Amino acid sequence: MDKNESLEVFSWIAFKESSPINGFADLSRDFIEYCKGLPLALQNSLCCALSPSRC
């Protein structure tokens, strides 16, 4: 998965949109880089960040 595809997947999970909302593009790219663009890592890490009790 390339960086653009990873950003789109992340955005759908985090923002329910195809791209980051205003002001969150840099943070989104940092998160994707941290997860190495892996879809499952993006989903699980974001889930844990948004709802720690579900981890």
Protein backbone atom coordinates (compact mmCIF):
# COMPACT_ATOMS: atom_id res chain seq x y z
CA MET A 1 0.00 0.00 0.00
CA ASP A 2 1.45 3.37 -0.92
CA LYS A 3 1.32 6.47 1.29
CA ASN A 4 -1.72 7.94 -0.44
CA GLU A 5 -3.71 4.74 -0.02
CA SER A 6 -2.64 4.51 3.62
CA LEU A 7 -3.72 8.10 4.19
CA GLU A 8 -7.12 7.36 2.68
CA VAL A 9 -7.61 4.24 4.84
CA PHE A 10 -6.54 6.15 7.94
CA SER A 11 -8.85 9.04 7.09
CA TRP A 12 -11.86 6.77 6.64
CA ILE A 13 -11.22 5.19 10.03
CA ALA A 14 -10.36 8.38 11.90
CA PHE A 15 -12.53 11.02 10.24
CA LYS A 16 -15.15 9.07 8.24
CA GLU A 17 -13.92 10.97 5.18
CA SER A 18 -11.52 10.16 2.35
CA SER A 19 -8.93 12.72 3.49
CA PRO A 20 -7.86 14.26 6.82
CA ILE A 21 -9.93 17.11 8.18
CA ASN A 22 -8.40 20.57 8.24
CA GLY A 23 -5.41 20.84 10.53
CA PHE A 24 -4.80 17.08 10.89
CA ALA A 25 -2.90 16.26 7.70
CA ASP A 26 0.59 16.36 9.26
CA LEU A 27 -0.48 14.38 12.33
CA SER A 28 -2.18 11.82 10.06
CA ARG A 29 0.99 11.40 7.99
CA ASP A 30 3.06 10.97 11.18
CA PHE A 31 0.67 8.28 12.40
CA ILE A 32 0.86 6.47 9.06
CA GLU A 33 4.64 6.59 9.12
CA TYR A 34 4.66 5.23 12.68
CA CYS A 35 2.47 2.29 11.54
CA LYS A 36 4.59 1.84 8.40
CA GLY A 37 1.41 2.18 6.31
CA LEU A 38 0.18 -1.29 7.28
CA PRO A 39 -3.65 -1.37 7.18
CA LEU A 40 -4.12 -3.61 10.21
CA ALA A 41 -1.61 -1.61 12.25
CA LEU A 42 -3.40 1.61 11.28
CA GLN A 43 -6.78 0.23 12.31
CA ASN A 44 -5.64 -1.36 15.57
CA SER A 45 -3.46 1.54 16.68
CA LEU A 46 -6.16 4.07 15.95
CA CYS A 47 -8.76 1.95 17.72
CA CYS A 48 -6.55 1.81 20.80
CA ALA A 49 -5.91 5.55 20.65
CA LEU A 50 -9.59 6.40 20.37
CA SER A 51 -10.94 3.79 22.76
CA PRO A 52 -8.26 2.33 25.08
CA SER A 53 -10.78 0.13 26.90
CA ARG A 54 -11.29 -1.88 23.68
CA CYS A 55 -7.59 -2.85 23.37
